[in-house]
Amino acid sequence: MDFKCKYCGSVNLELEENGNQTGLYCCDCGKWLKWVNKEEKRVFNNKNACTPIYVPKGATNGDVFKVLFPNCRDWKSGNKDNGGEVNEVHFVLLPNSITVNRYDESWWNAPYKTEKGDSK
């Protein structure tokens, strides 16, 4: 099933409960598109469980990480063996302050590459 607005062509759609019916609406132009049945509702919800993210041209690995994990906060740390220069990025999951991961700063600042290996 392809979910697309027949008025403006947008794929930015949402389901809205109206009594015991569920309507499909376009988020961009606001038009009602159709009443959906249980199967269409299940398919729509499953398709939207994995929402693609927009990665702007020139984004780094760190930029993409921050979009994927918005509840994390980062800080940079130095290493005495490296003359005190910043060489790692640490991520903390808030509010529990649990260290999630450490990344080498060269990877963090490197251009993000798509699955095909192309820089965006």
Protein backbone atom coordinates (compact mmCIF):
# COMPACT_ATOMS: atom_id res chain seq x y z
CA MET A 1 0.00 0.00 0.00
CA ASP A 2 1.30 3.40 -0.98
CA PHE A 3 0.23 6.22 1.31
CA LYS A 4 0.41 9.55 -0.52
CA CYS A 5 -1.77 12.66 -0.61
CA LYS A 6 -3.83 12.76 -3.81
CA TYR A 7 -4.09 16.56 -3.53
CA CYS A 8 -0.52 17.74 -2.95
CA GLY A 9 1.57 14.56 -3.34
CA SER A 10 2.94 14.66 0.20
CA VAL A 11 3.82 11.48 2.10
CA ASN A 12 3.65 13.36 5.41
CA LEU A 13 0.38 11.80 6.59
CA GLU A 14 -1.28 10.98 9.89
CA LEU A 15 -4.12 8.86 11.22
CA GLU A 16 -6.82 10.46 13.32
CA GLU A 17 -9.43 8.60 15.33
CA ASN A 18 -12.98 9.85 14.84
CA GLY A 19 -15.40 7.78 16.92
CA ASN A 20 -14.91 4.19 15.83
CA GLN A 21 -13.47 5.19 12.44
CA THR A 22 -9.92 6.16 11.58
CA GLY A 23 -9.24 8.83 8.97
CA LEU A 24 -6.09 9.37 6.94
CA TYR A 25 -5.13 13.07 6.71
CA CYS A 26 -2.36 15.00 4.98
CA CYS A 27 -0.17 16.91 7.43
CA ASP A 28 0.90 19.40 4.74
CA CYS A 29 -2.37 20.48 3.13
CA GLY A 30 -4.72 19.28 5.91
CA LYS A 31 -7.07 17.39 3.61
CA TRP A 32 -8.95 14.25 4.63
CA LEU A 33 -7.94 11.44 2.28
CA LYS A 34 -9.98 8.40 3.28
CA TRP A 35 -11.29 6.21 6.04
CA VAL A 36 -8.85 3.35 6.63
CA ASN A 37 -9.70 -0.21 7.63
CA LYS A 38 -7.86 -2.21 10.30
CA GLU A 39 -5.40 -3.72 7.82
CA GLU A 40 -4.54 -0.33 6.28
CA LYS A 41 -4.11 1.11 9.79
CA ARG A 42 -1.73 -1.71 10.74
CA VAL A 43 0.31 -1.26 7.55
CA PHE A 44 0.44 2.54 7.97
CA ASN A 45 1.62 2.26 11.58
CA ASN A 46 4.27 -0.32 10.67
CA LYS A 47 5.59 1.81 7.80
CA ASN A 48 5.88 4.80 10.11
CA ALA A 49 7.64 2.84 12.85
CA CYS A 50 10.86 3.40 10.91
CA THR A 51 10.68 7.04 9.93
CA PRO A 52 13.53 8.08 7.65
CA ILE A 53 15.62 11.01 8.79
CA TYR A 54 16.80 13.85 6.60
CA VAL A 55 20.59 14.10 6.51
CA PRO A 56 21.70 17.46 5.14
CA LYS A 57 24.63 17.73 2.77
CA GLY A 58 27.88 18.08 4.72
CA ALA A 59 26.56 16.37 7.87
CA THR A 60 29.08 14.55 10.02
CA ASN A 61 28.72 11.20 11.79
CA GLY A 62 28.24 13.16 15.00
CA ASP A 63 25.39 15.20 13.50
CA VAL A 64 23.56 12.02 12.49
CA PHE A 65 24.16 10.43 15.90
CA LYS A 66 22.59 13.44 17.63
CA VAL A 67 19.48 13.16 15.42
CA LEU A 68 19.13 9.44 16.12
CA PHE A 69 19.64 9.84 19.88
CA PRO A 70 18.18 13.24 20.82
CA ASN A 71 18.01 12.44 24.56
CA CYS A 72 21.77 12.05 24.78
CA ARG A 73 24.26 14.79 25.60
CA ASP A 74 27.88 14.84 24.55
CA TRP A 75 31.09 16.21 25.92
CA LYS A 76 34.65 16.06 24.72
CA SER A 77 37.60 14.91 26.80
CA GLY A 78 41.32 15.19 26.50
CA ASN A 79 43.90 12.47 26.93
CA LYS A 80 47.18 13.11 28.80
CA ASP A 81 48.97 10.80 26.36
CA ASN A 82 47.83 13.04 23.54
CA GLY A 83 49.10 16.32 25.04
CA GLY A 84 45.71 17.14 26.50
CA GLU A 85 44.08 17.54 23.08
CA VAL A 86 40.48 16.55 22.62
CA ASN A 87 40.40 13.12 21.04
CA GLU A 88 37.22 11.44 22.27
CA VAL A 89 33.54 12.29 22.34
CA HIS A 90 31.56 10.75 25.20
CA PHE A 91 27.80 10.35 25.16
CA VAL A 92 25.65 10.31 28.26
CA LEU A 93 22.06 9.14 28.40
CA LEU A 94 20.07 11.61 30.50
CA PRO A 95 18.63 11.78 33.15
CA ASN A 96 20.46 8.74 34.53
CA SER A 97 23.93 9.97 33.51
CA ILE A 98 25.01 6.60 32.16
CA THR A 99 27.92 6.70 29.72
CA VAL A 100 26.57 5.27 26.49
CA ASN A 101 29.60 5.26 24.25
CA ARG A 102 32.89 6.87 23.32
CA TYR A 103 33.87 7.85 19.82
CA ASP A 104 37.16 8.88 18.35
CA GLU A 105 36.85 12.52 17.39
CA SER A 106 38.18 11.87 13.89
CA TRP A 107 35.21 9.51 13.26
CA TRP A 108 32.79 11.91 14.98
CA ASN A 109 33.78 14.80 12.70
CA ALA A 110 34.10 12.73 9.51
CA PRO A 111 31.49 13.26 6.77
CA TYR A 112 28.49 10.93 7.08
CA LYS A 113 28.39 8.28 4.38
CA THR A 114 25.27 6.59 3.06
CA GLU A 115 24.91 2.81 2.85
CA LYS A 116 26.37 3.04 -0.64
CA GLY A 117 29.44 4.75 0.78
CA ASP A 118 28.74 8.13 -0.81
CA SER A 119 29.17 11.26 1.26
CA LYS A 120 25.94 13.20 1.49
